[in-house]
Amino acid sequence: MPAPAPPGSLGRMTTHRAPKPVAGGRPVERAVTVGLALAAIAGLGWIVGMIYTLVRWPL
């Protein structure tokens, strides 16, 4: 086990670097974006359907 760093100094730094992002996005990111877009369209359609139902409801 290495000795602790003296006060006022940093310990050993790691050399690991995160991989650089792939240009053009990853397929998973595209799938998530498409899924969110479809969910937003479905939600908007549901809201419009509810408003239509309330407007056309027989009083």
N, C-alpha and C. Protein backbone atom coordinates (compact mmCIF):
# COMPACT_ATOMS: atom_id res chain seq x y z
N MET A 1 0.85 -1.17 0.00
CA MET A 1 0.00 0.00 0.00
C MET A 1 0.90 1.24 0.00
N PRO A 2 0.67 2.18 -0.95
CA PRO A 2 1.53 3.36 -1.02
C PRO A 2 1.29 4.30 0.16
N ALA A 3 2.33 5.05 0.48
CA ALA A 3 2.23 6.00 1.59
C ALA A 3 1.32 7.16 1.18
N PRO A 4 0.59 7.74 2.13
CA PRO A 4 -0.28 8.86 1.80
C PRO A 4 0.53 10.08 1.36
N ALA A 5 -0.07 10.90 0.51
CA ALA A 5 0.60 12.11 0.03
C ALA A 5 0.73 13.11 1.17
N PRO A 6 1.83 13.85 1.19
CA PRO A 6 1.98 14.86 2.25
C PRO A 6 0.92 15.94 2.12
N PRO A 7 0.57 16.60 3.22
CA PRO A 7 -0.44 17.65 3.16
C PRO A 7 -0.04 18.75 2.17
N GLY A 8 -1.03 19.24 1.40
CA GLY A 8 -0.78 20.31 0.46
C GLY A 8 -0.36 19.84 -0.91
N SER A 9 -0.27 18.53 -1.13
CA SER A 9 0.09 18.04 -2.46
C SER A 9 -0.94 17.00 -2.90
N LEU A 10 -1.02 16.80 -4.19
CA LEU A 10 -1.95 15.82 -4.72
C LEU A 10 -1.30 14.45 -4.76
N GLY A 11 -2.13 13.44 -4.70
CA GLY A 11 -1.62 12.08 -4.81
C GLY A 11 -1.35 11.75 -6.26
N ARG A 12 -1.14 10.48 -6.54
CA ARG A 12 -0.87 10.05 -7.91
C ARG A 12 -2.11 10.25 -8.76
N MET A 13 -1.89 10.72 -9.97
CA MET A 13 -2.98 10.91 -10.90
C MET A 13 -3.07 9.69 -11.81
N THR A 14 -4.28 9.36 -12.20
CA THR A 14 -4.44 8.23 -13.11
C THR A 14 -4.12 8.66 -14.53
N THR A 15 -3.80 7.71 -15.37
CA THR A 15 -3.49 8.01 -16.76
C THR A 15 -4.63 7.60 -17.68
N HIS A 16 -5.73 7.10 -17.12
CA HIS A 16 -6.86 6.66 -17.94
C HIS A 16 -7.57 7.87 -18.56
N ARG A 17 -7.84 7.76 -19.85
CA ARG A 17 -8.60 8.80 -20.53
C ARG A 17 -9.86 8.18 -21.13
N ALA A 18 -10.93 8.94 -21.11
CA ALA A 18 -12.17 8.46 -21.72
C ALA A 18 -12.00 8.42 -23.23
N PRO A 19 -12.62 7.46 -23.89
CA PRO A 19 -12.51 7.40 -25.35
C PRO A 19 -13.17 8.62 -26.00
N LYS A 20 -12.62 9.02 -27.14
CA LYS A 20 -13.19 10.16 -27.85
C LYS A 20 -14.52 9.76 -28.47
N PRO A 21 -15.49 10.68 -28.50
CA PRO A 21 -16.78 10.32 -29.09
C PRO A 21 -16.67 10.06 -30.59
N VAL A 22 -17.49 9.15 -31.05
CA VAL A 22 -17.49 8.79 -32.47
C VAL A 22 -18.23 9.88 -33.24
N ALA A 23 -17.68 10.30 -34.35
CA ALA A 23 -18.33 11.33 -35.17
C ALA A 23 -19.64 10.79 -35.73
N GLY A 24 -20.68 11.60 -35.69
CA GLY A 24 -21.97 11.18 -36.24
C GLY A 24 -22.88 10.53 -35.22
N GLY A 25 -22.45 10.36 -34.01
CA GLY A 25 -23.30 9.78 -32.98
C GLY A 25 -23.32 8.26 -33.03
N ARG A 26 -23.70 7.67 -31.96
CA ARG A 26 -23.77 6.21 -31.88
C ARG A 26 -25.18 5.76 -32.20
N PRO A 27 -25.34 4.52 -32.65
CA PRO A 27 -26.69 4.03 -32.98
C PRO A 27 -27.64 4.07 -31.78
N VAL A 28 -27.11 3.84 -30.58
CA VAL A 28 -27.97 3.86 -29.39
C VAL A 28 -28.50 5.27 -29.17
N GLU A 29 -27.67 6.27 -29.35
CA GLU A 29 -28.12 7.65 -29.17
C GLU A 29 -29.20 7.99 -30.17
N ARG A 30 -29.03 7.53 -31.41
CA ARG A 30 -30.05 7.78 -32.43
C ARG A 30 -31.35 7.09 -32.07
N ALA A 31 -31.27 5.87 -31.57
CA ALA A 31 -32.47 5.13 -31.19
C ALA A 31 -33.20 5.83 -30.04
N VAL A 32 -32.44 6.34 -29.08
CA VAL A 32 -33.05 7.05 -27.96
C VAL A 32 -33.70 8.33 -28.45
N THR A 33 -33.03 9.06 -29.35
CA THR A 33 -33.59 10.29 -29.89
C THR A 33 -34.88 10.01 -30.66
N VAL A 34 -34.88 8.97 -31.49
CA VAL A 34 -36.08 8.62 -32.24
C VAL A 34 -37.20 8.21 -31.28
N GLY A 35 -36.87 7.45 -30.26
CA GLY A 35 -37.87 7.04 -29.27
C GLY A 35 -38.48 8.23 -28.55
N LEU A 36 -37.64 9.19 -28.18
CA LEU A 36 -38.16 10.38 -27.51
C LEU A 36 -39.04 11.21 -28.44
N ALA A 37 -38.64 11.30 -29.70
CA ALA A 37 -39.44 12.05 -30.67
C ALA A 37 -40.81 11.38 -30.86
N LEU A 38 -40.82 10.06 -31.00
CA LEU A 38 -42.09 9.34 -31.14
C LEU A 38 -42.96 9.49 -29.89
N ALA A 39 -42.34 9.46 -28.73
CA ALA A 39 -43.10 9.63 -27.49
C ALA A 39 -43.69 11.04 -27.41
N ALA A 40 -42.94 12.04 -27.85
CA ALA A 40 -43.46 13.41 -27.84
C ALA A 40 -44.63 13.55 -28.81
N ILE A 41 -44.53 12.95 -29.99
CA ILE A 41 -45.63 13.00 -30.96
C ILE A 41 -46.86 12.27 -30.40
N ALA A 42 -46.65 11.12 -29.78
CA ALA A 42 -47.77 10.38 -29.20
C ALA A 42 -48.42 11.18 -28.07
N GLY A 43 -47.61 11.83 -27.24
CA GLY A 43 -48.15 12.66 -26.16
C GLY A 43 -48.95 13.83 -26.69
N LEU A 44 -48.45 14.46 -27.74
CA LEU A 44 -49.16 15.58 -28.36
C LEU A 44 -50.48 15.09 -28.95
N GLY A 45 -50.45 13.94 -29.61
CA GLY A 45 -51.68 13.37 -30.15
C GLY A 45 -52.69 13.04 -29.06
N TRP A 46 -52.23 12.55 -27.94
CA TRP A 46 -53.12 12.23 -26.83
C TRP A 46 -53.77 13.50 -26.28
N ILE A 47 -52.98 14.56 -26.13
CA ILE A 47 -53.51 15.84 -25.63
C ILE A 47 -54.57 16.38 -26.60
N VAL A 48 -54.25 16.36 -27.90
CA VAL A 48 -55.21 16.84 -28.90
C VAL A 48 -56.48 15.98 -28.86
N GLY A 49 -56.35 14.69 -28.70
CA GLY A 49 -57.51 13.81 -28.61
C GLY A 49 -58.36 14.11 -27.39
N MET A 50 -57.74 14.40 -26.27
CA MET A 50 -58.49 14.74 -25.06
C MET A 50 -59.24 16.06 -25.23
N ILE A 51 -58.58 17.04 -25.83
CA ILE A 51 -59.25 18.33 -26.07
C ILE A 51 -60.43 18.14 -27.02
N TYR A 52 -60.24 17.36 -28.08
CA TYR A 52 -61.32 17.08 -29.03
C TYR A 52 -62.49 16.39 -28.31
N THR A 53 -62.17 15.42 -27.45
CA THR A 53 -63.20 14.70 -26.72
C THR A 53 -63.99 15.65 -25.82
N LEU A 54 -63.31 16.54 -25.12
CA LEU A 54 -63.99 17.47 -24.23
C LEU A 54 -64.85 18.48 -25.00
N VAL A 55 -64.36 18.91 -26.16
CA VAL A 55 -65.12 19.88 -26.96
C VAL A 55 -66.37 19.22 -27.54
N ARG A 56 -66.24 17.99 -27.99
CA ARG A 56 -67.35 17.31 -28.65
C ARG A 56 -68.26 16.54 -27.68
N TRP A 57 -67.96 16.57 -26.37
CA TRP A 57 -68.74 15.81 -25.40
C TRP A 57 -70.16 16.37 -25.33
N PRO A 58 -71.18 15.49 -25.39
CA PRO A 58 -72.56 16.00 -25.33
C PRO A 58 -72.89 16.51 -23.93
N LEU A 59 -73.38 17.71 -23.88
CA LEU A 59 -73.71 18.32 -22.57
C LEU A 59 -75.18 18.14 -22.23
